[in-house]
Protein backbone atom coordinates (compact mmCIF):
# COMPACT_ATOMS: atom_id res chain seq x y z
CA MET A 1 -72.54 117.76 -16.50
CA ALA A 2 -74.73 120.90 -16.60
CA LYS A 3 -78.38 120.25 -17.40
CA LYS A 4 -79.43 121.41 -20.84
CA LYS A 5 -81.43 124.62 -20.59
CA THR A 6 -85.01 124.26 -21.80
CA PRO A 7 -85.89 126.80 -24.54
CA GLU A 8 -88.31 129.49 -23.45
CA ASN A 9 -91.12 128.78 -25.87
CA ILE A 10 -90.53 125.49 -27.74
CA PHE A 11 -89.60 122.19 -26.10
CA VAL A 12 -91.55 118.94 -25.78
CA ASN A 13 -90.10 115.64 -24.55
CA SER A 14 -93.21 113.87 -23.29
CA GLU A 15 -96.93 113.44 -23.84
CA ILE A 16 -97.80 114.24 -20.22
CA GLY A 17 -95.55 117.01 -18.90
CA THR A 18 -97.47 120.09 -17.69
CA LEU A 19 -98.62 121.90 -20.83
CA LYS A 20 -97.34 125.49 -21.07
CA ARG A 21 -97.91 126.52 -24.70
CA LEU A 22 -99.76 125.08 -27.68
CA LEU A 23 -101.08 125.93 -31.13
CA VAL A 24 -104.83 125.79 -31.75
CA HIS A 25 -107.30 126.91 -34.37
CA SER A 26 -110.82 127.89 -33.45
CA PRO A 27 -113.57 126.53 -35.76
CA ASP A 28 -113.94 128.98 -38.65
CA SER A 29 -116.76 129.67 -41.09
CA GLY A 30 -115.39 127.07 -43.53
CA LEU A 31 -116.66 124.32 -41.20
CA GLY A 32 -120.17 125.64 -41.69
CA LYS A 33 -119.89 125.33 -45.47
CA VAL A 34 -118.99 121.64 -45.74
CA VAL A 35 -121.75 120.01 -47.82
CA PRO A 36 -122.72 116.31 -47.68
CA SER A 37 -121.48 115.55 -51.20
CA LYS A 38 -117.98 116.85 -50.37
CA ALA A 39 -117.72 115.85 -46.69
CA GLN A 40 -115.64 112.72 -47.29
CA ASP A 41 -113.41 114.47 -49.83
CA TRP A 42 -112.65 116.97 -47.07
CA LEU A 43 -112.09 114.07 -44.59
CA PHE A 44 -115.31 114.54 -42.62
CA GLU A 45 -117.79 111.75 -41.95
CA ASP A 46 -120.68 114.17 -41.59
CA ILE A 47 -121.54 117.85 -41.69
CA VAL A 48 -121.47 119.73 -38.40
CA HIS A 49 -123.46 122.66 -37.00
CA LEU A 50 -120.99 125.54 -36.76
CA GLU A 51 -122.63 127.62 -34.04
CA THR A 52 -123.08 124.63 -31.74
CA ILE A 53 -119.52 123.43 -32.27
CA ARG A 54 -118.28 126.92 -31.39
CA ARG A 55 -120.52 128.15 -28.59
CA ASP A 56 -121.46 124.93 -26.82
CA GLU A 57 -118.27 122.91 -27.32
CA TYR A 58 -115.02 124.45 -28.56
CA ASP A 59 -115.43 127.60 -26.46
CA TYR A 60 -115.21 125.41 -23.35
CA TYR A 61 -111.96 124.00 -24.70
CA THR A 62 -110.62 127.55 -25.02
CA LYS A 63 -111.68 128.43 -21.48
CA ILE A 64 -110.13 125.36 -19.86
CA LEU A 65 -106.88 125.83 -21.81
CA LEU A 66 -106.66 129.46 -20.69
CA TYR A 67 -107.37 128.54 -17.08
CA PHE A 68 -104.49 126.06 -17.11
CA LEU A 69 -102.02 127.96 -19.31
CA ASP A 70 -102.86 131.67 -19.13
CA PRO A 71 -105.34 132.25 -16.26
CA GLU A 72 -105.06 136.04 -16.28
CA LYS A 73 -106.91 136.07 -19.59
CA ILE A 74 -109.98 134.26 -18.25
CA LYS A 75 -110.11 134.12 -14.44
CA GLY A 76 -113.17 135.96 -13.13
CA LYS A 77 -114.21 136.96 -16.65
CA ILE A 78 -116.28 134.06 -17.94
CA ALA A 79 -119.67 135.70 -17.37
CA GLU A 80 -118.40 138.85 -19.05
CA VAL A 81 -116.86 137.23 -22.15
CA ASP A 82 -119.92 134.98 -22.67
CA HIS A 83 -122.44 137.82 -22.40
CA PRO A 84 -124.68 137.94 -25.52
CA ALA A 85 -123.79 141.58 -26.05
CA LYS A 86 -120.16 140.56 -26.64
CA GLN A 87 -121.17 138.36 -29.62
CA ARG A 88 -118.30 135.92 -29.00
CA GLY A 89 -115.63 138.50 -29.86
CA PHE A 90 -113.40 137.03 -27.15
CA TYR A 91 -113.10 133.79 -29.16
CA LYS A 92 -112.73 135.23 -32.69
CA PRO A 93 -109.13 135.94 -33.74
CA ASP A 94 -110.12 138.75 -36.11
CA ASN A 95 -112.10 140.62 -33.40
CA LYS A 96 -110.81 143.53 -31.28
CA ASP A 97 -111.96 141.72 -28.08
CA TYR A 98 -109.99 138.52 -28.89
CA PHE A 99 -108.07 137.10 -25.91
CA HIS A 100 -104.62 137.33 -27.60
CA SER A 101 -102.77 134.78 -25.49
CA ASP A 102 -99.11 133.93 -26.07
CA LYS A 103 -99.70 130.58 -24.36
CA VAL A 104 -102.87 129.42 -26.17
CA ILE A 105 -101.74 130.54 -29.61
CA GLU A 106 -104.15 130.87 -32.51
CA ILE A 107 -102.69 129.91 -35.90
CA GLN A 108 -104.77 132.53 -37.70
CA MET A 109 -102.99 135.24 -35.68
CA LEU A 110 -99.56 133.87 -36.65
CA LEU A 111 -100.62 133.75 -40.29
CA ALA A 112 -101.83 137.36 -40.15
CA ASP A 113 -98.48 138.38 -38.65
CA ILE A 114 -96.38 136.96 -41.48
CA LEU A 115 -98.77 138.38 -44.10
CA LYS A 116 -97.73 141.84 -42.91
CA MET A 117 -94.36 141.15 -44.56
CA PRO A 118 -94.73 142.26 -48.22
CA ASP A 119 -92.42 139.59 -49.69
CA ILE A 120 -94.11 136.79 -47.73
CA LYS A 121 -97.54 138.06 -48.70
CA LEU A 122 -96.58 138.10 -52.37
CA LYS A 123 -95.12 134.57 -52.27
CA LEU A 124 -97.94 133.05 -50.24
CA VAL A 125 -100.70 134.56 -52.37
CA ALA A 126 -98.97 133.22 -55.49
CA SER A 127 -98.46 129.78 -53.91
CA VAL A 128 -102.05 129.43 -52.68
CA CYS A 129 -103.45 130.62 -55.99
CA ALA A 130 -101.26 128.11 -57.82
CA ILE A 131 -102.41 125.08 -55.83
CA GLU A 132 -106.05 126.24 -55.93
CA GLY A 133 -106.02 127.07 -59.66
CA CYS A 134 -107.09 130.70 -59.22
CA SER A 135 -107.27 133.28 -61.99
CA TYR A 136 -104.74 136.08 -62.23
CA GLU A 137 -107.55 138.52 -61.41
CA THR A 138 -108.25 136.70 -58.12
CA GLN A 139 -104.56 136.74 -57.28
CA MET A 140 -104.42 140.51 -57.75
CA GLN A 141 -107.60 140.91 -55.68
CA LEU A 142 -106.11 138.95 -52.77
CA LEU A 143 -103.00 141.13 -52.74
CA GLN A 144 -105.19 144.13 -51.92
CA PHE A 145 -106.56 142.59 -48.70
CA PRO A 146 -105.11 143.61 -45.33
CA SER A 147 -103.24 140.84 -43.51
CA THR A 148 -105.97 140.01 -40.96
CA ILE A 149 -108.61 139.61 -43.69
CA LEU A 150 -106.29 137.67 -45.98
CA ALA A 151 -105.41 135.21 -43.21
CA LYS A 152 -109.10 134.57 -42.67
CA VAL A 153 -109.69 134.10 -46.42
CA PHE A 154 -106.81 131.62 -46.75
CA ILE A 155 -108.28 129.48 -43.97
CA SER A 156 -112.03 129.72 -44.54
CA GLY A 157 -111.94 130.10 -48.33
CA SER A 158 -114.52 132.90 -48.07
CA ILE A 159 -114.27 136.56 -49.03
CA SER A 160 -117.72 137.14 -47.55
CA GLU A 161 -120.65 135.10 -46.28
CA GLN A 162 -121.92 134.79 -49.84
CA SER A 163 -118.64 134.52 -51.75
CA MET A 164 -116.14 131.64 -51.64
CA ILE A 165 -113.02 131.48 -53.82
CA PHE A 166 -111.35 128.36 -52.34
CA PRO A 167 -112.63 125.19 -50.74
CA PRO A 168 -112.53 125.39 -46.93
CA ILE A 169 -109.82 123.58 -44.96
CA PRO A 170 -112.03 122.29 -42.14
CA ASN A 171 -109.31 119.97 -40.79
CA PHE A 172 -107.26 122.98 -39.67
CA ILE A 173 -108.83 122.62 -36.21
CA PHE A 174 -106.75 119.43 -35.88
CA THR A 175 -103.50 121.26 -35.28
CA ARG A 176 -101.64 118.12 -34.10
CA ASP A 177 -101.39 116.98 -37.70
CA ILE A 178 -99.55 120.04 -39.05
CA GLY A 179 -96.32 119.23 -37.23
CA ILE A 180 -94.89 117.92 -34.01
CA VAL A 181 -92.32 119.29 -31.57
CA ILE A 182 -89.68 116.67 -30.71
CA ASN A 183 -87.42 118.05 -27.96
CA ASP A 184 -86.26 121.32 -29.57
CA HIS A 185 -87.01 120.35 -33.20
CA ILE A 186 -90.20 120.60 -35.26
CA LEU A 187 -91.05 117.80 -37.70
CA LEU A 188 -93.37 119.12 -40.43
CA ASN A 189 -96.17 117.03 -41.84
CA LYS A 190 -96.63 115.86 -45.41
CA PRO A 191 -100.38 115.30 -45.76
CA ALA A 192 -101.67 112.16 -47.41
CA LYS A 193 -104.86 113.79 -48.67
CA GLN A 194 -105.20 116.68 -51.11
CA ALA A 195 -107.74 118.33 -48.79
CA ARG A 196 -104.88 119.20 -46.40
CA THR A 197 -102.38 120.58 -48.93
CA ARG A 198 -103.16 124.25 -48.29
CA GLU A 199 -102.91 123.96 -44.50
CA ALA A 200 -99.49 122.30 -44.85
CA LEU A 201 -98.35 125.17 -47.08
CA LEU A 202 -99.61 127.84 -44.65
CA MET A 203 -97.88 126.16 -41.71
CA LYS A 204 -94.61 125.79 -43.60
CA TYR A 205 -94.57 129.56 -44.19
CA ILE A 206 -95.39 130.22 -40.53
CA PHE A 207 -92.68 127.94 -39.13
CA PHE A 208 -90.01 129.31 -41.47
CA ASN A 209 -90.96 133.00 -41.30
CA HIS A 210 -92.70 133.93 -38.03
CA PRO A 211 -90.42 135.57 -35.41
CA TYR A 212 -91.80 133.20 -32.77
CA PHE A 213 -89.93 130.31 -34.40
CA GLU A 214 -86.83 132.29 -35.45
CA HIS A 215 -84.50 130.80 -32.84
CA ILE A 216 -85.21 127.20 -33.93
CA ARG A 217 -85.55 127.77 -37.67
CA ASP A 218 -82.56 125.52 -38.30
CA ASN A 219 -84.36 122.82 -36.29
CA VAL A 220 -87.43 122.64 -38.55
CA ILE A 221 -87.33 119.31 -40.37
CA GLU A 222 -88.96 118.61 -43.73
CA LEU A 223 -88.98 115.02 -44.94
CA PRO A 224 -87.65 114.53 -48.49
CA GLU A 225 -89.58 112.51 -51.02
CA ALA A 226 -88.33 109.10 -52.07
CA HIS A 227 -86.20 109.18 -55.23
CA LEU A 228 -88.37 109.26 -58.38
CA HIS A 229 -91.49 108.52 -56.32
CA PHE A 230 -93.66 110.20 -58.95
CA LEU A 231 -92.82 107.41 -61.41
CA ASN A 232 -94.23 104.69 -59.14
CA PRO A 233 -97.61 103.21 -60.06
CA ARG A 234 -100.53 103.81 -57.71
CA GLU A 235 -99.98 100.37 -56.13
CA GLY A 236 -96.59 101.66 -54.98
CA GLU A 237 -98.02 104.52 -52.93
CA ASP A 238 -96.21 103.32 -49.81
CA ARG A 239 -93.08 104.71 -51.49
CA LYS A 240 -94.60 108.16 -51.25
CA VAL A 241 -93.69 110.19 -48.16
CA THR A 242 -96.86 111.08 -46.24
CA LEU A 243 -96.88 111.89 -42.54
CA GLU A 244 -99.34 113.53 -40.13
CA GLY A 245 -98.70 114.55 -36.53
CA GLY A 246 -101.35 112.23 -35.11
CA ASP A 247 -98.94 109.43 -35.97
CA VAL A 248 -96.02 110.91 -34.00
CA MET A 249 -95.69 110.75 -30.19
CA VAL A 250 -92.80 111.90 -28.01
CA VAL A 251 -92.89 109.47 -25.09
CA SER A 252 -89.55 110.44 -23.53
CA LYS A 253 -86.60 112.68 -24.34
CA ASP A 254 -84.88 109.80 -26.14
CA HIS A 255 -87.86 107.83 -27.50
CA LEU A 256 -90.25 108.65 -30.34
CA LEU A 257 -93.18 106.64 -31.71
CA ILE A 258 -94.10 106.87 -35.40
CA GLY A 259 -97.31 105.32 -36.67
CA VAL A 260 -97.73 103.79 -40.11
CA SER A 261 -101.41 104.13 -40.87
CA GLU A 262 -104.01 105.33 -43.34
CA ARG A 263 -102.24 108.71 -43.35
CA THR A 264 -98.53 107.96 -42.71
CA SER A 265 -96.48 105.75 -45.04
CA TRP A 266 -93.64 103.30 -44.47
CA GLU A 267 -91.41 105.56 -46.53
CA ALA A 268 -92.16 108.52 -44.24
CA ALA A 269 -91.23 106.42 -41.20
CA HIS A 270 -88.02 105.40 -42.96
CA GLN A 271 -87.07 108.99 -43.83
CA ALA A 272 -87.95 110.26 -40.33
CA ILE A 273 -85.81 107.58 -38.65
CA LYS A 274 -82.88 108.39 -40.91
CA ILE A 275 -83.01 112.17 -40.35
CA LEU A 276 -83.82 112.13 -36.62
CA PHE A 277 -80.97 109.72 -35.90
CA GLU A 278 -78.55 111.72 -38.07
CA LYS A 279 -79.46 114.92 -36.20
CA LYS A 280 -79.30 113.07 -32.85
CA VAL A 281 -82.78 114.33 -31.93
CA VAL A 282 -83.69 111.01 -30.25
CA LYS A 283 -81.93 107.70 -29.58
CA LYS A 284 -84.83 105.28 -30.05
CA ILE A 285 -87.72 105.20 -32.53
CA THR A 286 -90.53 102.66 -32.49
CA VAL A 287 -92.63 102.19 -35.61
CA VAL A 288 -96.22 101.15 -34.85
CA LYS A 289 -98.01 99.91 -37.95
CA ILE A 290 -101.76 99.72 -37.43
CA PRO A 291 -104.41 98.46 -39.86
CA ARG A 292 -104.96 100.89 -42.70
CA LYS A 293 -108.57 101.58 -41.81
CA ARG A 294 -110.66 104.73 -41.53
CA ASP A 295 -111.70 103.53 -38.04
CA TYR A 296 -108.15 104.13 -36.82
CA MET A 297 -106.66 106.83 -39.08
CA HIS A 298 -103.71 107.66 -36.74
CA ILE A 299 -102.08 105.90 -33.79
CA ASP A 300 -103.47 108.56 -31.43
CA THR A 301 -106.97 107.29 -32.21
CA VAL A 302 -106.09 103.90 -30.69
CA PHE A 303 -103.98 104.98 -27.69
CA THR A 304 -102.73 108.01 -25.75
CA GLN A 305 -100.81 108.46 -22.50
CA VAL A 306 -102.46 109.63 -19.27
CA LYS A 307 -99.68 109.24 -16.68
CA LYS A 308 -96.17 107.81 -16.67
CA ASN A 309 -97.65 104.42 -15.82
CA THR A 310 -101.16 104.82 -17.29
CA TRP A 311 -102.42 104.60 -20.87
CA VAL A 312 -105.81 104.41 -22.56
CA MET A 313 -106.04 102.11 -25.58
CA LEU A 314 -108.30 100.04 -27.79
CA GLY A 315 -108.46 96.46 -26.53
CA ASN A 316 -108.10 94.99 -30.05
CA PHE A 317 -104.35 95.51 -29.71
CA SER A 318 -103.93 94.08 -26.21
CA ARG A 319 -102.06 90.89 -25.28
CA LYS A 320 -105.37 89.15 -24.61
CA ALA A 321 -106.74 89.97 -28.07
CA ILE A 322 -103.50 89.02 -29.85
CA LEU A 323 -103.38 85.64 -28.07
CA MET A 324 -107.16 85.17 -28.48
CA GLU A 325 -107.43 84.16 -24.82
CA ASP A 326 -111.22 84.31 -24.89
CA ALA A 327 -111.47 82.02 -27.91
CA ASP A 328 -112.00 78.28 -27.76
CA HIS A 329 -109.67 75.85 -29.54
CA VAL A 330 -111.75 75.69 -32.74
CA GLN A 331 -112.05 79.48 -32.98
CA ARG A 332 -108.29 79.91 -32.65
CA ILE A 333 -107.72 77.51 -35.53
CA LEU A 334 -110.42 79.04 -37.74
CA GLU A 335 -109.55 82.67 -37.16
CA GLY A 336 -105.81 82.40 -36.64
CA ASN A 337 -104.47 85.79 -35.57
CA PRO A 338 -106.87 88.34 -37.09
CA ILE A 339 -105.22 91.41 -35.62
CA LYS A 340 -101.66 90.60 -36.70
CA SER A 341 -102.82 89.48 -40.15
CA ASN A 342 -104.72 92.78 -40.34
CA GLY A 343 -101.49 94.70 -40.15
CA LEU A 344 -100.37 95.31 -36.54
CA LYS A 345 -96.58 95.39 -36.53
CA ILE A 346 -94.29 97.01 -33.95
CA ILE A 347 -90.55 97.46 -34.61
CA GLN A 348 -88.15 99.41 -32.41
CA PHE A 349 -84.88 100.88 -33.71
CA ARG A 350 -81.97 102.23 -31.63
CA SER A 351 -79.52 104.70 -33.15
CA LYS A 352 -76.44 102.82 -31.90
CA GLU A 353 -77.73 99.37 -32.91
CA ILE A 354 -79.92 100.15 -35.88
CA ASP A 355 -79.28 96.72 -37.38
CA LYS A 356 -80.69 95.01 -34.26
CA PRO A 357 -84.38 95.94 -34.12
CA VAL A 358 -86.64 94.85 -31.25
CA TYR A 359 -90.12 93.48 -32.01
CA PHE A 360 -93.26 93.66 -29.85
CA ASP A 361 -96.20 91.30 -30.20
CA SER A 362 -98.87 93.66 -28.87
CA LEU A 363 -99.40 97.37 -28.31
CA GLU A 364 -99.92 96.64 -24.63
CA ASP A 365 -96.41 95.14 -24.48
CA LEU A 366 -94.93 98.29 -26.05
CA LEU A 367 -96.73 100.72 -23.72
CA SER A 368 -95.71 98.69 -20.67
CA ASP A 369 -92.11 98.66 -21.90
CA ILE A 370 -92.14 102.48 -22.27
CA SER A 371 -93.51 103.03 -18.77
CA ILE A 372 -91.05 100.62 -17.15
CA LYS A 373 -87.83 101.08 -19.15
CA ASP A 374 -88.10 104.72 -20.30
CA LEU A 375 -90.03 106.26 -17.43
CA GLY A 376 -88.92 104.14 -14.47
CA CYS A 377 -92.34 102.82 -13.41
CA LYS A 378 -92.75 99.57 -11.47
CA ASP A 379 -96.30 98.80 -12.52
CA VAL A 380 -98.40 99.77 -15.54
CA ASN A 381 -102.12 100.49 -15.76
CA ILE A 382 -103.94 100.06 -19.07
CA ILE A 383 -107.43 101.58 -19.31
CA PHE A 384 -109.42 100.22 -22.24
CA SER A 385 -111.84 101.96 -24.57
CA GLY A 386 -115.41 101.07 -23.63
CA ASP A 387 -114.01 99.16 -20.63
CA ASN A 388 -113.00 96.51 -23.21
CA VAL A 389 -116.61 95.36 -23.64
CA PHE A 390 -118.01 94.84 -27.15
CA PRO A 391 -119.65 96.76 -28.83
CA TYR A 392 -118.84 99.74 -26.60
CA ASP A 393 -115.09 99.43 -27.16
CA ALA A 394 -115.46 99.94 -30.93
CA ARG A 395 -118.26 102.50 -30.67
CA GLU A 396 -116.39 104.68 -28.22
CA GLN A 397 -113.06 104.40 -30.02
CA TRP A 398 -114.88 105.78 -33.08
CA THR A 399 -115.84 108.82 -30.96
CA ASP A 400 -112.27 109.29 -29.72
CA SER A 401 -112.28 107.57 -26.34
CA CYS A 402 -108.54 106.97 -26.81
CA ASN A 403 -107.71 110.45 -28.13
CA LEU A 404 -107.05 112.37 -24.90
CA LEU A 405 -105.00 115.50 -24.25
CA ALA A 406 -102.99 115.62 -21.02
CA LEU A 407 -102.94 119.13 -19.54
CA LYS A 408 -100.54 117.76 -16.96
CA GLU A 409 -99.72 114.27 -15.75
CA GLY A 410 -102.97 112.54 -14.78
CA VAL A 411 -105.29 115.39 -15.85
CA VAL A 412 -106.82 114.81 -19.27
CA LEU A 413 -109.51 116.18 -21.56
CA GLY A 414 -111.90 113.88 -23.42
CA TYR A 415 -115.47 113.62 -24.68
CA ASP A 416 -118.43 113.24 -22.32
CA ARG A 417 -120.23 110.75 -24.58
CA ASN A 418 -117.92 107.77 -23.99
CA ASP A 419 -119.73 106.42 -20.93
CA LYS A 420 -118.11 102.98 -20.63
CA THR A 421 -114.63 104.45 -20.99
CA LEU A 422 -115.42 106.93 -18.21
CA GLU A 423 -116.53 104.03 -16.03
CA ALA A 424 -113.17 102.37 -16.71
CA PHE A 425 -111.36 105.55 -15.62
CA LYS A 426 -113.38 105.63 -12.39
CA LYS A 427 -112.43 102.01 -11.71
CA ALA A 428 -108.79 103.03 -12.17
CA GLY A 429 -109.16 105.66 -9.42
CA PHE A 430 -109.78 108.78 -11.52
CA SER A 431 -112.27 111.52 -10.72
CA VAL A 432 -114.57 112.47 -13.59
CA ILE A 433 -115.93 116.01 -13.76
CA GLY A 434 -117.73 118.02 -16.44
CA VAL A 435 -115.96 121.09 -17.78
CA LYS A 436 -118.87 123.42 -16.93
CA GLU A 437 -118.87 122.33 -13.29
CA LEU A 438 -115.09 122.57 -13.10
CA LEU A 439 -115.01 126.09 -14.54
CA ASP A 440 -117.59 127.15 -11.95
CA LYS A 441 -115.30 125.78 -9.24
CA PHE A 442 -112.35 127.65 -10.70
CA GLU A 443 -114.39 130.86 -10.85
CA ASN A 444 -115.68 130.65 -7.26
CA GLY A 445 -112.29 129.61 -5.89
CA THR A 446 -113.27 126.16 -4.58
CA SER A 447 -110.79 124.51 -6.93
CA SER A 448 -107.84 125.43 -9.14
CA PRO A 449 -105.77 123.71 -11.85
CA ASP A 450 -102.86 123.06 -9.49
CA LYS A 451 -105.14 121.11 -7.11
CA LEU A 452 -106.32 118.59 -9.70
CA LYS A 453 -104.88 115.10 -9.68
CA ASP A 454 -105.97 111.96 -11.56
CA THR A 455 -108.90 113.73 -13.19
CA PHE A 456 -110.77 113.17 -16.44
CA ILE A 457 -112.40 116.45 -17.54
CA THR A 458 -115.37 115.68 -19.77
CA MET A 459 -116.07 118.02 -22.68
CA PRO A 460 -119.35 118.43 -24.60
CA SER A 461 -119.10 116.52 -27.83
CA ALA A 462 -122.31 116.26 -29.88
CA GLU A 463 -120.81 118.10 -32.88
CA LEU A 464 -117.04 117.98 -32.32
CA SER A 465 -116.98 114.18 -32.21
CA ARG A 466 -118.64 114.05 -35.63
CA ALA A 467 -115.59 115.82 -37.05
CA ARG A 468 -113.57 112.64 -36.25
CA GLY A 469 -110.96 114.00 -33.87
CA GLY A 470 -110.49 114.45 -30.13
CA PHE A 471 -108.52 116.94 -28.06
CA HIS A 472 -105.21 115.24 -28.74
CA CYS A 473 -105.89 115.98 -32.42
CA MET A 474 -106.95 119.57 -31.64
CA SER A 475 -103.64 120.55 -30.04
CA MET A 476 -100.06 121.04 -31.12
CA PRO A 477 -98.02 121.37 -27.91
CA LEU A 478 -95.09 123.77 -28.25
CA LEU A 479 -93.87 123.65 -24.67
CA ARG A 480 -94.29 121.14 -21.85
CA GLU A 481 -92.49 120.93 -18.55
CA GLU A 482 -90.19 117.96 -18.23
CA VAL A 483 -91.76 115.05 -16.38
């Protein structure tokens, strides 16, 4: 049988295949306008310093992505693009010096493109003004803006430095949550929180109208709401369909994980299973229900994949923790099974035997099963947050020690602040190198992306980590090579 041809620009069937294209959004001015009294409403734990998050942190993310995905845009140019006289134009999507990559794709550019279409502009202005409760006068004012300015206004909420007409959407930097590519389909999100409604609307218009996605438009999946969900009382909110991309992982061409969490409901998992099996997108879906706690938020805050046989995860969900192996007899009786009673539940469905689900007792059991049965590994290596030592395991999970982005198998990006987790990676045979040092090596020719193996690239994180998301959150892969 002839091998199915991989689409040119959209295809993802793993978490670790060499990354070729992704969607990102550079921190915009809206991040710098989040005030303490509204931070939690806008899903932030704290306010962040915009210039630091841009210049000293996210810009390094942009550079390393370009070096791996589109090196012609950055190789030999770092000193030039970072020169003070350039005023960061290379990183700003509305600037003439912007890098304009078709591999590291900025959402604001895609939005500006579709706003050049008069009918789309008219509909999107009306839609945004409706959900934001704008006056008719404001709606008419927005229609006068050129597409590049209007795209910026829709995202930042600001007409100028002094004038805001919408709240910001600071979570737009977490592009993983807006949708997920599953093989050659795109599953759109349905945000749980009102703060993310506008970004979901903007992305829906992009996926259905931008020429980049034209060839797979019929493969864009929207989850329907449960019948008469709006009549349910607030206690019945699990009947509402809410889903974010941080709760969806493609672990093989046939196997998808869906988290049920603070942000993704049981009903969303149910609807996704039904549609994805009907469309024959995958053959196996595992639902991973984690405790509905802010500490966890999505499943990608408690585990991500590093290699076919290597995962990083929070030790609370390991076999040892589930069985309470460190507890004495009295403690086991008194505490019972705190993790399982807290809500950990793992159920696997197969399209051909949907009435015969498989259950897993621990997350560690599931990850080992994926590596062995789906990916053909003989042994499995679990690296634990904080090296599985309290309190470092919990502290470092909070600052995204488990939320890593694989640029290729065994080469991952994560925060530099999670010291005990980095020690655990070194024990597992990984090299650890800072992004600044690595970029210098790329620039002087002593190293290159293709030479890296089993490497943890540490990224500066003083401000980014306070936004409550790691590099897995800040990426929406569009194309990966098959593992």
